[in-house]
PDB file of N, CA and C in Angstrom:
ATOM      1  N   MET A   1     -21.279  -9.266  18.627  1.00  0.00           N
ATOM      2  CA  MET A   1     -20.439  -8.818  17.525  1.00  0.00           C
ATOM      3  C   MET A   1     -19.354  -9.864  17.292  1.00  0.00           C
ATOM      4  N   ASP A   2     -19.255 -10.383  16.085  1.00  0.00           N
ATOM      5  CA  ASP A   2     -18.300 -11.448  15.797  1.00  0.00           C
ATOM      6  C   ASP A   2     -16.970 -10.940  15.234  1.00  0.00           C
ATOM      7  N   GLY A   3     -16.765  -9.644  15.242  1.00  0.00           N
ATOM      8  CA  GLY A   3     -15.516  -9.087  14.726  1.00  0.00           C
ATOM      9  C   GLY A   3     -15.644  -8.577  13.309  1.00  0.00           C
ATOM     10  N   MET A   4     -16.432  -9.259  12.482  1.00  0.00           N
ATOM     11  CA  MET A   4     -16.618  -8.816  11.100  1.00  0.00           C
ATOM     12  C   MET A   4     -17.515  -7.587  11.033  1.00  0.00           C
ATOM     13  N   ASP A   5     -18.283  -7.328  12.078  1.00  0.00           N
ATOM     14  CA  ASP A   5     -19.166  -6.166  12.100  1.00  0.00           C
ATOM     15  C   ASP A   5     -18.392  -4.852  12.109  1.00  0.00           C
ATOM     16  N   ARG A   6     -17.131  -4.923  12.436  1.00  0.00           N
ATOM     17  CA  ARG A   6     -16.322  -3.698  12.447  1.00  0.00           C
ATOM     18  C   ARG A   6     -16.119  -3.153  11.047  1.00  0.00           C
ATOM     19  N   PHE A   7     -16.160  -4.024  10.032  1.00  0.00           N
ATOM     20  CA  PHE A   7     -16.005  -3.611   8.639  1.00  0.00           C
ATOM     21  C   PHE A   7     -17.165  -4.161   7.821  1.00  0.00           C
ATOM     22  N   PRO A   8     -18.409  -3.733   8.106  1.00  0.00           N
ATOM     23  CA  PRO A   8     -19.549  -4.334   7.418  1.00  0.00           C
ATOM     24  C   PRO A   8     -19.530  -4.109   5.909  1.00  0.00           C
ATOM     25  N   VAL A   9     -19.115  -2.955   5.478  1.00  0.00           N
ATOM     26  CA  VAL A   9     -19.030  -2.658   4.048  1.00  0.00           C
ATOM     27  C   VAL A   9     -17.714  -1.956   3.807  1.00  0.00           C
ATOM     28  N   LEU A  10     -16.964  -2.470   2.857  1.00  0.00           N
ATOM     29  CA  LEU A  10     -15.726  -1.792   2.511  1.00  0.00           C
ATOM     30  C   LEU A  10     -16.091  -0.551   1.719  1.00  0.00           C
ATOM     31  N   GLY A  11     -15.677   0.582   2.194  1.00  0.00           N
ATOM     32  CA  GLY A  11     -16.014   1.831   1.523  1.00  0.00           C
ATOM     33  C   GLY A  11     -14.814   2.415   0.825  1.00  0.00           C
ATOM     34  N   PRO A  12     -14.941   3.642   0.395  1.00  0.00           N
ATOM     35  CA  PRO A  12     -13.860   4.258  -0.353  1.00  0.00           C
ATOM     36  C   PRO A  12     -12.581   4.477   0.454  1.00  0.00           C
ATOM     37  N   LYS A  13     -12.640   4.339   1.780  1.00  0.00           N
ATOM     38  CA  LYS A  13     -11.442   4.568   2.586  1.00  0.00           C
ATOM     39  C   LYS A  13     -10.682   3.285   2.889  1.00  0.00           C
ATOM     40  N   ILE A  14     -11.285   2.133   2.593  1.00  0.00           N
ATOM     41  CA  ILE A  14     -10.659   0.850   2.904  1.00  0.00           C
ATOM     42  C   ILE A  14     -10.624  -0.018   1.658  1.00  0.00           C
ATOM     43  N   VAL A  15      -9.511  -0.719   1.480  1.00  0.00           N
ATOM     44  CA  VAL A  15      -9.353  -1.640   0.349  1.00  0.00           C
ATOM     45  C   VAL A  15      -8.937  -3.001   0.904  1.00  0.00           C
ATOM     46  N   LYS A  16      -9.548  -4.055   0.397  1.00  0.00           N
ATOM     47  CA  LYS A  16      -9.143  -5.409   0.769  1.00  0.00           C
ATOM     48  C   LYS A  16      -8.231  -5.933  -0.338  1.00  0.00           C
ATOM     49  N   LEU A  17      -6.976  -6.179   0.007  1.00  0.00           N
ATOM     50  CA  LEU A  17      -6.014  -6.749  -0.936  1.00  0.00           C
ATOM     51  C   LEU A  17      -6.027  -8.261  -0.785  1.00  0.00           C
ATOM     52  N   VAL A  18      -5.909  -8.970  -1.895  1.00  0.00           N
ATOM     53  CA  VAL A  18      -5.891 -10.430  -1.840  1.00  0.00           C
ATOM     54  C   VAL A  18      -4.814 -10.964  -2.785  1.00  0.00           C
ATOM     55  N   LEU A  19      -4.095 -11.960  -2.274  1.00  0.00           N
ATOM     56  CA  LEU A  19      -3.161 -12.738  -3.102  1.00  0.00           C
ATOM     57  C   LEU A  19      -3.854 -14.064  -3.368  1.00  0.00           C
ATOM     58  N   PRO A  20      -4.372 -14.283  -4.572  1.00  0.00           N
ATOM     59  CA  PRO A  20      -5.075 -15.539  -4.859  1.00  0.00           C
ATOM     60  C   PRO A  20      -4.103 -16.714  -4.941  1.00  0.00           C
ATOM     61  N   ALA A  21      -4.291 -17.687  -4.085  1.00  0.00           N
ATOM     62  CA  ALA A  21      -3.372 -18.828  -4.010  1.00  0.00           C
ATOM     63  C   ALA A  21      -3.262 -19.579  -5.333  1.00  0.00           C
ATOM     64  N   ALA A  22      -4.321 -19.573  -6.112  1.00  0.00           N
ATOM     65  CA  ALA A  22      -4.303 -20.298  -7.388  1.00  0.00           C
ATOM     66  C   ALA A  22      -3.213 -19.781  -8.332  1.00  0.00           C
ATOM     67  N   PHE A  23      -2.717 -18.570  -8.090  1.00  0.00           N
ATOM     68  CA  PHE A  23      -1.713 -17.971  -8.969  1.00  0.00           C
ATOM     69  C   PHE A  23      -0.310 -17.965  -8.367  1.00  0.00           C
ATOM     70  N   TYR A  24      -0.175 -18.474  -7.134  1.00  0.00           N
ATOM     71  CA  TYR A  24       1.128 -18.459  -6.462  1.00  0.00           C
ATOM     72  C   TYR A  24       1.412 -19.834  -5.875  1.00  0.00           C
ATOM     73  N   SER A  25       2.378 -20.510  -6.432  1.00  0.00           N
ATOM     74  CA  SER A  25       2.679 -21.876  -5.989  1.00  0.00           C
ATOM     75  C   SER A  25       3.157 -21.933  -4.533  1.00  0.00           C
ATOM     76  N   LYS A  26       3.677 -20.833  -3.998  1.00  0.00           N
ATOM     77  CA  LYS A  26       4.161 -20.809  -2.619  1.00  0.00           C
ATOM     78  C   LYS A  26       3.029 -20.784  -1.589  1.00  0.00           C
ATOM     79  N   LEU A  27       1.812 -20.445  -2.030  1.00  0.00           N
ATOM     80  CA  LEU A  27       0.692 -20.289  -1.104  1.00  0.00           C
ATOM     81  C   LEU A  27      -0.240 -21.498  -1.131  1.00  0.00           C
ATOM     82  N   LYS A  28      -0.720 -21.872   0.049  1.00  0.00           N
ATOM     83  CA  LYS A  28      -1.690 -22.959   0.142  1.00  0.00           C
ATOM     84  C   LYS A  28      -3.116 -22.416   0.180  1.00  0.00           C
ATOM     85  N   GLU A  29      -3.269 -21.153   0.555  1.00  0.00           N
ATOM     86  CA  GLU A  29      -4.581 -20.516   0.598  1.00  0.00           C
ATOM     87  C   GLU A  29      -4.420 -19.030   0.299  1.00  0.00           C
ATOM     88  N   ASP A  30      -5.533 -18.387  -0.050  1.00  0.00           N
ATOM     89  CA  ASP A  30      -5.489 -16.953  -0.328  1.00  0.00           C
ATOM     90  C   ASP A  30      -4.988 -16.192   0.886  1.00  0.00           C
ATOM     91  N   ARG A  31      -4.260 -15.126   0.635  1.00  0.00           N
ATOM     92  CA  ARG A  31      -3.793 -14.231   1.709  1.00  0.00           C
ATOM     93  C   ARG A  31      -4.516 -12.908   1.557  1.00  0.00           C
ATOM     94  N   TYR A  32      -4.947 -12.328   2.676  1.00  0.00           N
ATOM     95  CA  TYR A  32      -5.710 -11.084   2.655  1.00  0.00           C
ATOM     96  C   TYR A  32      -5.069 -10.028   3.539  1.00  0.00           C
ATOM     97  N   ALA A  33      -5.314  -8.771   3.194  1.00  0.00           N
ATOM     98  CA  ALA A  33      -4.941  -7.636   4.033  1.00  0.00           C
ATOM     99  C   ALA A  33      -6.000  -6.555   3.823  1.00  0.00           C
ATOM    100  N   VAL A  34      -6.401  -5.906   4.894  1.00  0.00           N
ATOM    101  CA  VAL A  34      -7.306  -4.766   4.811  1.00  0.00           C
ATOM    102  C   VAL A  34      -6.483  -3.538   5.155  1.00  0.00           C
ATOM    103  N   VAL A  35      -6.485  -2.573   4.240  1.00  0.00           N
ATOM    104  CA  VAL A  35      -5.644  -1.386   4.398  1.00  0.00           C
ATOM    105  C   VAL A  35      -6.441  -0.130   4.069  1.00  0.00           C
ATOM    106  N   PHE A  36      -5.982   0.991   4.600  1.00  0.00           N
ATOM    107  CA  PHE A  36      -6.572   2.254   4.186  1.00  0.00           C
ATOM    108  C   PHE A  36      -6.195   2.489   2.730  1.00  0.00           C
ATOM    109  N   ARG A  37      -7.161   2.947   1.950  1.00  0.00           N
ATOM    110  CA  ARG A  37      -6.992   3.073   0.514  1.00  0.00           C
ATOM    111  C   ARG A  37      -5.933   4.111   0.153  1.00  0.00           C
ATOM    112  N   PRO A  38      -4.907   3.678  -0.556  1.00  0.00           N
ATOM    113  CA  PRO A  38      -3.962   4.640  -1.108  1.00  0.00           C
ATOM    114  C   PRO A  38      -4.659   5.453  -2.203  1.00  0.00           C
ATOM    115  N   SER A  39      -4.167   6.639  -2.461  1.00  0.00           N
ATOM    116  CA  SER A  39      -4.849   7.508  -3.420  1.00  0.00           C
ATOM    117  C   SER A  39      -4.523   7.172  -4.874  1.00  0.00           C
ATOM    118  N   THR A  40      -3.445   6.429  -5.104  1.00  0.00           N
ATOM    119  CA  THR A  40      -3.081   6.126  -6.491  1.00  0.00           C
ATOM    120  C   THR A  40      -2.795   4.630  -6.680  1.00  0.00           C
ATOM    121  N   TYR A  41      -2.812   4.232  -7.913  1.00  0.00           N
ATOM    122  CA  TYR A  41      -2.477   2.858  -8.298  1.00  0.00           C
ATOM    123  C   TYR A  41      -1.046   2.528  -7.869  1.00  0.00           C
ATOM    124  N   GLU A  42      -0.118   3.437  -8.129  1.00  0.00           N
ATOM    125  CA  GLU A  42       1.297   3.216  -7.771  1.00  0.00           C
ATOM    126  C   GLU A  42       1.461   3.045  -6.267  1.00  0.00           C
ATOM    127  N   GLU A  43       0.795   3.884  -5.485  1.00  0.00           N
ATOM    128  CA  GLU A  43       0.874   3.767  -4.025  1.00  0.00           C
ATOM    129  C   GLU A  43       0.294   2.427  -3.557  1.00  0.00           C
ATOM    130  N   THR A  44      -0.751   1.978  -4.223  1.00  0.00           N
ATOM    131  CA  THR A  44      -1.359   0.698  -3.867  1.00  0.00           C
ATOM    132  C   THR A  44      -0.395  -0.442  -4.145  1.00  0.00           C
ATOM    133  N   LYS A  45       0.309  -0.370  -5.271  1.00  0.00           N
ATOM    134  CA  LYS A  45       1.309  -1.392  -5.588  1.00  0.00           C
ATOM    135  C   LYS A  45       2.425  -1.398  -4.540  1.00  0.00           C
ATOM    136  N   LYS A  46       2.870  -0.235  -4.135  1.00  0.00           N
ATOM    137  CA  LYS A  46       3.925  -0.150  -3.105  1.00  0.00           C
ATOM    138  C   LYS A  46       3.444  -0.747  -1.783  1.00  0.00           C
ATOM    139  N   LEU A  47       2.198  -0.456  -1.419  1.00  0.00           N
ATOM    140  CA  LEU A  47       1.648  -0.997  -0.179  1.00  0.00           C
ATOM    141  C   LEU A  47       1.493  -2.511  -0.278  1.00  0.00           C
ATOM    142  N   ALA A  48       1.038  -3.006  -1.430  1.00  0.00           N
ATOM    143  CA  ALA A  48       0.908  -4.456  -1.628  1.00  0.00           C
ATOM    144  C   ALA A  48       2.265  -5.126  -1.503  1.00  0.00           C
ATOM    145  N   TRP A  49       3.295  -4.502  -2.023  1.00  0.00           N
ATOM    146  CA  TRP A  49       4.658  -5.045  -1.913  1.00  0.00           C
ATOM    147  C   TRP A  49       5.094  -5.075  -0.457  1.00  0.00           C
ATOM    148  N   LYS A  50       4.758  -4.014   0.279  1.00  0.00           N
ATOM    149  CA  LYS A  50       5.124  -3.949   1.696  1.00  0.00           C
ATOM    150  C   LYS A  50       4.431  -5.058   2.490  1.00  0.00           C
ATOM    151  N   VAL A  51       3.166  -5.322   2.174  1.00  0.00           N
ATOM    152  CA  VAL A  51       2.386  -6.321   2.902  1.00  0.00           C
ATOM    153  C   VAL A  51       2.724  -7.745   2.461  1.00  0.00           C
ATOM    154  N   PHE A  52       2.810  -7.966   1.149  1.00  0.00           N
ATOM    155  CA  PHE A  52       2.919  -9.315   0.605  1.00  0.00           C
ATOM    156  C   PHE A  52       4.263  -9.610  -0.069  1.00  0.00           C
ATOM    157  N   GLY A  53       5.241  -8.760   0.087  1.00  0.00           N
ATOM    158  CA  GLY A  53       6.492  -8.877  -0.660  1.00  0.00           C
ATOM    159  C   GLY A  53       7.127 -10.250  -0.694  1.00  0.00           C
ATOM    160  N   LEU A  54       7.237 -10.911   0.442  1.00  0.00           N
ATOM    161  CA  LEU A  54       7.897 -12.219   0.464  1.00  0.00           C
ATOM    162  C   LEU A  54       7.116 -13.270  -0.314  1.00  0.00           C
ATOM    163  N   CYS A  55       5.801 -13.157  -0.314  1.00  0.00           N
ATOM    164  CA  CYS A  55       4.971 -14.105  -1.069  1.00  0.00           C
ATOM    165  C   CYS A  55       5.069 -13.849  -2.568  1.00  0.00           C
ATOM    166  N   LEU A  56       5.334 -12.604  -2.945  1.00  0.00           N
ATOM    167  CA  LEU A  56       5.383 -12.231  -4.355  1.00  0.00           C
ATOM    168  C   LEU A  56       6.750 -12.429  -4.983  1.00  0.00           C
ATOM    169  N   TYR A  57       7.771 -12.521  -4.154  1.00  0.00           N
ATOM    170  CA  TYR A  57       9.131 -12.567  -4.673  1.00  0.00           C
ATOM    171  C   TYR A  57       9.297 -13.694  -5.686  1.00  0.00           C
ATOM    172  N   ASN A  58       9.935 -13.383  -6.780  1.00  0.00           N
ATOM    173  CA  ASN A  58      10.143 -14.329  -7.874  1.00  0.00           C
ATOM    174  C   ASN A  58      11.645 -14.564  -8.015  1.00  0.00           C
ATOM    175  N   ASP A  59      12.083 -15.779  -7.754  1.00  0.00           N
ATOM    176  CA  ASP A  59      13.514 -16.094  -7.808  1.00  0.00           C
ATOM    177  C   ASP A  59      14.116 -15.912  -9.198  1.00  0.00           C
ATOM    178  N   ASP A  60      13.277 -15.944 -10.224  1.00  0.00           N
ATOM    179  CA  ASP A  60      13.766 -15.826 -11.594  1.00  0.00           C
ATOM    180  C   ASP A  60      13.998 -14.386 -12.028  1.00  0.00           C
ATOM    181  N   VAL A  61      13.536 -13.428 -11.239  1.00  0.00           N
ATOM    182  CA  VAL A  61      13.661 -12.014 -11.599  1.00  0.00           C
ATOM    183  C   VAL A  61      14.508 -11.328 -10.532  1.00  0.00           C
ATOM    184  N   LEU A  62      15.721 -10.940 -10.889  1.00  0.00           N
ATOM    185  CA  LEU A  62      16.658 -10.404  -9.905  1.00  0.00           C
ATOM    186  C   LEU A  62      16.222  -9.080  -9.301  1.00  0.00           C
ATOM    187  N   ASP A  63      15.576  -8.224 -10.067  1.00  0.00           N
ATOM    188  CA  ASP A  63      15.196  -6.905  -9.555  1.00  0.00           C
ATOM    189  C   ASP A  63      13.694  -6.814  -9.269  1.00  0.00           C
ATOM    190  N   PHE A  64      13.100  -7.909  -8.804  1.00  0.00           N
ATOM    191  CA  PHE A  64      11.661  -7.934  -8.548  1.00  0.00           C
ATOM    192  C   PHE A  64      11.308  -6.988  -7.405  1.00  0.00           C
ATOM    193  N   ASP A  65      10.366  -6.084  -7.652  1.00  0.00           N
ATOM    194  CA  ASP A  65       9.863  -5.194  -6.611  1.00  0.00           C
ATOM    195  C   ASP A  65       8.453  -4.758  -6.982  1.00  0.00           C
ATOM    196  N   TYR A  66       7.952  -3.714  -6.341  1.00  0.00           N
ATOM    197  CA  TYR A  66       6.566  -3.302  -6.559  1.00  0.00           C
ATOM    198  C   TYR A  66       6.257  -2.982  -8.020  1.00  0.00           C
ATOM    199  N   ARG A  67       7.260  -2.602  -8.789  1.00  0.00           N
ATOM    200  CA  ARG A  67       7.025  -2.273 -10.201  1.00  0.00           C
ATOM    201  C   ARG A  67       6.588  -3.488 -11.007  1.00  0.00           C
ATOM    202  N   ASN A  68       6.803  -4.677 -10.476  1.00  0.00           N
ATOM    203  CA  ASN A  68       6.429  -5.913 -11.161  1.00  0.00           C
ATOM    204  C   ASN A  68       5.037  -6.407 -10.758  1.00  0.00           C
ATOM    205  N   ILE A  69       4.304  -5.580 -10.041  1.00  0.00           N
ATOM    206  CA  ILE A  69       2.961  -5.932  -9.589  1.00  0.00           C
ATOM    207  C   ILE A  69       1.917  -5.302 -10.513  1.00  0.00           C
ATOM    208  N   THR A  70       0.849  -6.051 -10.755  1.00  0.00           N
ATOM    209  CA  THR A  70      -0.320  -5.514 -11.438  1.00  0.00           C
ATOM    210  C   THR A  70      -1.530  -5.752 -10.542  1.00  0.00           C
ATOM    211  N   LEU A  71      -2.487  -4.843 -10.588  1.00  0.00           N
ATOM    212  CA  LEU A  71      -3.675  -4.936  -9.738  1.00  0.00           C
ATOM    213  C   LEU A  71      -4.890  -5.301 -10.584  1.00  0.00           C
ATOM    214  N   ARG A  72      -5.749  -6.148 -10.018  1.00  0.00           N
ATOM    215  CA  ARG A  72      -6.960  -6.583 -10.714  1.00  0.00           C
ATOM    216  C   ARG A  72      -8.131  -6.583  -9.735  1.00  0.00           C
ATOM    217  N   CYS A  73      -9.330  -6.424 -10.276  1.00  0.00           N
ATOM    218  CA  CYS A  73     -10.520  -6.477  -9.432  1.00  0.00           C
ATOM    219  C   CYS A  73     -11.326  -7.727  -9.762  1.00  0.00           C
ATOM    220  N   SER A  74     -12.023  -8.233  -8.761  1.00  0.00           N
ATOM    221  CA  SER A  74     -12.876  -9.395  -8.991  1.00  0.00           C
ATOM    222  C   SER A  74     -14.170  -8.918  -9.645  1.00  0.00           C
ATOM    223  N   VAL A  75     -14.540  -9.610 -10.721  1.00  0.00           N
ATOM    224  CA  VAL A  75     -15.702  -9.221 -11.510  1.00  0.00           C
ATOM    225  C   VAL A  75     -16.535 -10.463 -11.786  1.00  0.00           C
ATOM    226  N   LYS A  76     -17.844 -10.313 -11.666  1.00  0.00           N
ATOM    227  CA  LYS A  76     -18.740 -11.426 -11.947  1.00  0.00           C
ATOM    228  C   LYS A  76     -19.169 -11.363 -13.414  1.00  0.00           C
ATOM    229  N   GLY A  77     -18.969 -12.464 -14.119  1.00  0.00           N
ATOM    230  CA  GLY A  77     -19.317 -12.535 -15.528  1.00  0.00           C
ATOM    231  C   GLY A  77     -20.806 -12.751 -15.749  1.00  0.00           C
ATOM    232  N   GLN A  78     -21.213 -12.719 -17.007  1.00  0.00           N
ATOM    233  CA  GLN A  78     -22.627 -12.863 -17.373  1.00  0.00           C
ATOM    234  C   GLN A  78     -23.215 -14.212 -16.965  1.00  0.00           C
ATOM    235  N   LYS A  79     -22.385 -15.242 -16.913  1.00  0.00           N
ATOM    236  CA  LYS A  79     -22.857 -16.581 -16.551  1.00  0.00           C
ATOM    237  C   LYS A  79     -22.669 -16.887 -15.065  1.00  0.00           C
ATOM    238  N   GLY A  80     -22.308 -15.856 -14.286  1.00  0.00           N
ATOM    239  CA  GLY A  80     -22.168 -16.034 -12.854  1.00  0.00           C
ATOM    240  C   GLY A  80     -20.779 -16.429 -12.381  1.00  0.00           C
ATOM    241  N   GLU A  81     -19.838 -16.614 -13.305  1.00  0.00           N
ATOM    242  CA  GLU A  81     -18.482 -16.987 -12.922  1.00  0.00           C
ATOM    243  C   GLU A  81     -17.706 -15.743 -12.479  1.00  0.00           C
ATOM    244  N   TRP A  82     -16.731 -15.950 -11.612  1.00  0.00           N
ATOM    245  CA  TRP A  82     -15.882 -14.849 -11.139  1.00  0.00           C
ATOM    246  C   TRP A  82     -14.540 -14.918 -11.831  1.00  0.00           C
ATOM    247  N   TYR A  83     -13.994 -13.770 -12.155  1.00  0.00           N
ATOM    248  CA  TYR A  83     -12.668 -13.708 -12.764  1.00  0.00           C
ATOM    249  C   TYR A  83     -11.973 -12.416 -12.342  1.00  0.00           C
ATOM    250  N   TRP A  84     -10.695 -12.333 -12.626  1.00  0.00           N
ATOM    251  CA  TRP A  84      -9.890 -11.165 -12.273  1.00  0.00           C
ATOM    252  C   TRP A  84      -9.699 -10.297 -13.506  1.00  0.00           C
ATOM    253  N   ALA A  85     -10.091  -9.023 -13.422  1.00  0.00           N
ATOM    254  CA  ALA A  85      -9.964  -8.085 -14.528  1.00  0.00           C
ATOM    255  C   ALA A  85      -8.906  -7.039 -14.193  1.00  0.00           C
ATOM    256  N   ASP A  86      -8.038  -6.755 -15.159  1.00  0.00           N
ATOM    257  CA  ASP A  86      -7.001  -5.744 -14.951  1.00  0.00           C
ATOM    258  C   ASP A  86      -7.621  -4.383 -14.638  1.00  0.00           C
ATOM    259  N   ILE A  87      -6.960  -3.649 -13.768  1.00  0.00           N
ATOM    260  CA  ILE A  87      -7.342  -2.271 -13.462  1.00  0.00           C
ATOM    261  C   ILE A  87      -6.297  -1.368 -14.111  1.00  0.00           C
ATOM    262  N   MET A  88      -6.734  -0.452 -14.905  1.00  0.00           N
ATOM    263  CA  MET A  88      -5.816   0.498 -15.532  1.00  0.00           C
ATOM    264  C   MET A  88      -5.375   1.516 -14.467  1.00  0.00           C
ATOM    265  N   PRO A  89      -4.096   1.846 -14.432  1.00  0.00           N
ATOM    266  CA  PRO A  89      -3.614   2.787 -13.407  1.00  0.00           C
ATOM    267  C   PRO A  89      -4.396   4.098 -13.364  1.00  0.00           C
ATOM    268  N   GLU A  90      -4.746   4.629 -14.520  1.00  0.00           N
ATOM    269  CA  GLU A  90      -5.449   5.913 -14.558  1.00  0.00           C
ATOM    270  C   GLU A  90      -6.909   5.790 -14.090  1.00  0.00           C
ATOM    271  N   ASP A  91      -7.422   4.566 -13.977  1.00  0.00           N
ATOM    272  CA  ASP A  91      -8.798   4.352 -13.536  1.00  0.00           C
ATOM    273  C   ASP A  91      -8.912   3.987 -12.062  1.00  0.00           C
ATOM    274  N   TRP A  92      -7.784   3.915 -11.367  1.00  0.00           N
ATOM    275  CA  TRP A  92      -7.775   3.444  -9.981  1.00  0.00           C
ATOM    276  C   TRP A  92      -8.778   4.179  -9.098  1.00  0.00           C
ATOM    277  N   GLU A  93      -8.733   5.484  -9.086  1.00  0.00           N
ATOM    278  CA  GLU A  93      -9.589   6.246  -8.177  1.00  0.00           C
ATOM    279  C   GLU A  93     -11.073   6.004  -8.470  1.00  0.00           C
ATOM    280  N   ASP A  94     -11.445   5.993  -9.734  1.00  0.00           N
ATOM    281  CA  ASP A  94     -12.850   5.729 -10.082  1.00  0.00           C
ATOM    282  C   ASP A  94     -13.260   4.315  -9.693  1.00  0.00           C
ATOM    283  N   MET A  95     -12.365   3.356  -9.878  1.00  0.00           N
ATOM    284  CA  MET A  95     -12.688   1.959  -9.556  1.00  0.00           C
ATOM    285  C   MET A  95     -13.019   1.795  -8.081  1.00  0.00           C
ATOM    286  N   VAL A  96     -12.243   2.400  -7.213  1.00  0.00           N
ATOM    287  CA  VAL A  96     -12.480   2.209  -5.781  1.00  0.00           C
ATOM    288  C   VAL A  96     -13.544   3.145  -5.232  1.00  0.00           C
ATOM    289  N   ASN A  97     -13.717   4.304  -5.835  1.00  0.00           N
ATOM    290  CA  ASN A  97     -14.721   5.247  -5.337  1.00  0.00           C
ATOM    291  C   ASN A  97     -16.101   5.036  -5.939  1.00  0.00           C
ATOM    292  N   ILE A  98     -16.167   4.929  -7.247  1.00  0.00           N
ATOM    293  CA  ILE A  98     -17.457   4.842  -7.922  1.00  0.00           C
ATOM    294  C   ILE A  98     -17.977   3.412  -7.956  1.00  0.00           C
ATOM    295  N   LEU A  99     -17.126   2.476  -8.361  1.00  0.00           N
ATOM    296  CA  LEU A  99     -17.568   1.089  -8.484  1.00  0.00           C
ATOM    297  C   LEU A  99     -17.494   0.319  -7.172  1.00  0.00           C
ATOM    298  N   ALA A 100     -16.828   0.893  -6.179  1.00  0.00           N
ATOM    299  CA  ALA A 100     -16.693   0.253  -4.864  1.00  0.00           C
ATOM    300  C   ALA A 100     -16.197  -1.187  -4.991  1.00  0.00           C
ATOM    301  N   VAL A 101     -15.086  -1.349  -5.672  1.00  0.00           N
ATOM    302  CA  VAL A 101     -14.470  -2.663  -5.833  1.00  0.00           C
ATOM    303  C   VAL A 101     -14.198  -3.253  -4.459  1.00  0.00           C
ATOM    304  N   GLU A 102     -14.685  -4.478  -4.228  1.00  0.00           N
ATOM    305  CA  GLU A 102     -14.548  -5.089  -2.904  1.00  0.00           C
ATOM    306  C   GLU A 102     -13.178  -5.723  -2.681  1.00  0.00           C
ATOM    307  N   GLU A 103     -12.657  -6.358  -3.706  1.00  0.00           N
ATOM    308  CA  GLU A 103     -11.349  -7.014  -3.579  1.00  0.00           C
ATOM    309  C   GLU A 103     -10.426  -6.522  -4.684  1.00  0.00           C
ATOM    310  N   THR A 104      -9.200  -6.254  -4.281  1.00  0.00           N
ATOM    311  CA  THR A 104      -8.171  -5.902  -5.249  1.00  0.00           C
ATOM    312  C   THR A 104      -7.158  -7.013  -5.244  1.00  0.00           C
ATOM    313  N   GLY A 105      -7.069  -7.724  -6.349  1.00  0.00           N
ATOM    314  CA  GLY A 105      -6.109  -8.815  -6.471  1.00  0.00           C
ATOM    315  C   GLY A 105      -4.729  -8.288  -6.774  1.00  0.00           C
ATOM    316  N   VAL A 106      -3.739  -8.873  -6.139  1.00  0.00           N
ATOM    317  CA  VAL A 106      -2.345  -8.478  -6.324  1.00  0.00           C
ATOM    318  C   VAL A 106      -1.663  -9.591  -7.108  1.00  0.00           C
ATOM    319  N   PHE A 107      -1.160  -9.259  -8.285  1.00  0.00           N
ATOM    320  CA  PHE A 107      -0.584 -10.255  -9.183  1.00  0.00           C
ATOM    321  C   PHE A 107       0.806  -9.842  -9.637  1.00  0.00           C
ATOM    322  N   SER A 108       1.636 -10.832  -9.855  1.00  0.00           N
ATOM    323  CA  SER A 108       2.950 -10.605 -10.439  1.00  0.00           C
ATOM    324  C   SER A 108       2.794 -10.516 -11.956  1.00  0.00           C
ATOM    325  N   ARG A 109       3.539  -9.641 -12.575  1.00  0.00           N
ATOM    326  CA  ARG A 109       3.501  -9.529 -14.040  1.00  0.00           C
ATOM    327  C   ARG A 109       4.162 -10.739 -14.697  1.00  0.00           C
ATOM    328  N   PHE A 110       4.858 -11.557 -13.926  1.00  0.00           N
ATOM    329  CA  PHE A 110       5.600 -12.695 -14.495  1.00  0.00           C
ATOM    330  C   PHE A 110       4.874 -13.996 -14.301  1.00  0.00           C
TER     331      PHE A 110
END
């Protein structure tokens, strides 16, 4: 067992959060966290802030906090390219339960 066998498939109880380095000048590589799935979009944003807050902090926004976070899922396009698609707050539960989104990208609104 190489350690990855403990989480062979991310299911509805686990969410993999990712901070894509390409969108954050402070990061040299993507940052990941595996967490138990919060039940709502808002709770997920709060948890992402708790895990990644220092990486997300924006010096230009004085009151930056979890409310300035948006969540996106990785989606494969028709030509095979990957991109980040916004997740609507009201669709959060369906996205993680029905579509089994593997990665949830954490992005600053700024």
